Amino acid sequence: MSTLSSQHEFNLTGLKCPMPIVMLSRYIKDLNIDEQLTVFADDPAFCLDVEAWCNKTGHELQSLDNSNHQLVAVIRKRG
């Protein structure tokens, strides 16, 4: 049975660098491989941080939207 349809949301609004990435790192550990996580943040540094974090950890950054002062990242957990 595939877990590709499993989706989670994590709100990091109000947290400033480095806390969004620290909290994201902790949260994603509880997910299964291939589960999708939608992350909401408002720290401008989060855009660059989440891209670098995904490159470093091997998780897949599926999309990153920066509109209306709300950052929304969609990440798929990889093994």
Protein backbone atom coordinates (compact mmCIF):
# COMPACT_ATOMS: atom_id res chain seq x y z
CA MET A 1 0.00 0.00 0.00
CA SER A 2 1.44 3.37 -1.03
CA THR A 3 1.56 6.37 1.32
CA LEU A 4 1.80 8.87 -1.53
CA SER A 5 -1.60 10.32 -0.64
CA SER A 6 -0.64 10.95 3.00
CA GLN A 7 -0.45 14.68 3.61
CA HIS A 8 0.43 16.70 6.70
CA GLU A 9 0.48 20.41 7.51
CA PHE A 10 2.89 22.21 9.82
CA ASN A 11 2.51 25.88 10.72
CA LEU A 12 5.79 27.65 11.51
CA THR A 13 4.36 31.17 11.23
CA GLY A 14 5.87 33.56 13.74
CA LEU A 15 9.14 31.64 14.16
CA LYS A 16 12.41 33.26 13.11
CA CYS A 17 15.61 31.69 11.81
CA PRO A 18 16.84 29.12 12.71
CA MET A 19 13.72 27.79 14.45
CA PRO A 20 11.61 26.98 11.35
CA ILE A 21 14.27 24.58 10.05
CA VAL A 22 14.94 23.17 13.52
CA MET A 23 11.24 22.45 14.02
CA LEU A 24 10.85 21.10 10.48
CA SER A 25 13.75 18.70 11.05
CA ARG A 26 12.10 17.38 14.20
CA TYR A 27 8.64 17.10 12.66
CA ILE A 28 9.63 15.29 9.48
CA LYS A 29 11.30 12.50 11.45
CA ASP A 30 7.84 11.28 12.49
CA LEU A 31 6.63 10.95 8.89
CA ASN A 32 6.91 7.89 6.71
CA ILE A 33 8.89 7.94 3.48
CA ASP A 34 6.89 9.46 0.60
CA GLU A 35 4.51 11.33 2.89
CA GLN A 36 3.93 14.94 1.88
CA LEU A 37 4.25 17.87 4.25
CA THR A 38 2.89 21.36 3.61
CA VAL A 39 4.76 23.95 5.69
CA PHE A 40 3.54 27.50 6.36
CA ALA A 41 6.06 30.15 7.45
CA ASP A 42 6.55 33.90 7.36
CA ASP A 43 10.29 34.28 8.01
CA PRO A 44 11.86 35.63 4.78
CA ALA A 45 14.96 33.49 5.38
CA PHE A 46 12.84 30.34 5.18
CA CYS A 47 12.85 30.33 1.36
CA LEU A 48 16.60 29.89 1.07
CA ASP A 49 16.83 27.80 4.22
CA VAL A 50 14.26 25.21 3.15
CA GLU A 51 15.86 24.81 -0.28
CA ALA A 52 19.29 24.27 1.26
CA TRP A 53 17.85 21.96 3.92
CA CYS A 54 16.13 19.78 1.30
CA ASN A 55 19.34 19.59 -0.77
CA LYS A 56 21.30 18.59 2.33
CA THR A 57 18.82 16.04 3.70
CA GLY A 58 17.63 14.54 0.41
CA HIS A 59 13.97 15.42 0.93
CA GLU A 60 12.14 16.66 -2.15
CA LEU A 61 11.01 20.28 -2.28
CA GLN A 62 7.98 19.92 -4.54
CA SER A 63 6.93 23.56 -4.49
CA LEU A 64 7.67 26.84 -2.79
CA ASP A 65 5.21 29.72 -2.96
CA ASN A 66 5.96 33.17 -1.59
CA SER A 67 2.80 35.18 -2.02
CA ASN A 68 0.94 37.54 0.29
CA HIS A 69 3.75 37.45 2.90
CA GLN A 70 2.97 33.77 3.52
CA LEU A 71 5.52 31.14 2.52
CA VAL A 72 4.16 27.72 1.64
CA ALA A 73 6.57 24.85 1.02
CA VAL A 74 5.46 21.40 -0.03
CA ILE A 75 8.03 18.74 0.88
CA ARG A 76 8.02 15.00 0.24
CA LYS A 77 9.96 12.93 2.73
CA ARG A 78 12.59 10.75 1.11
CA GLY A 79 14.62 7.95 2.62
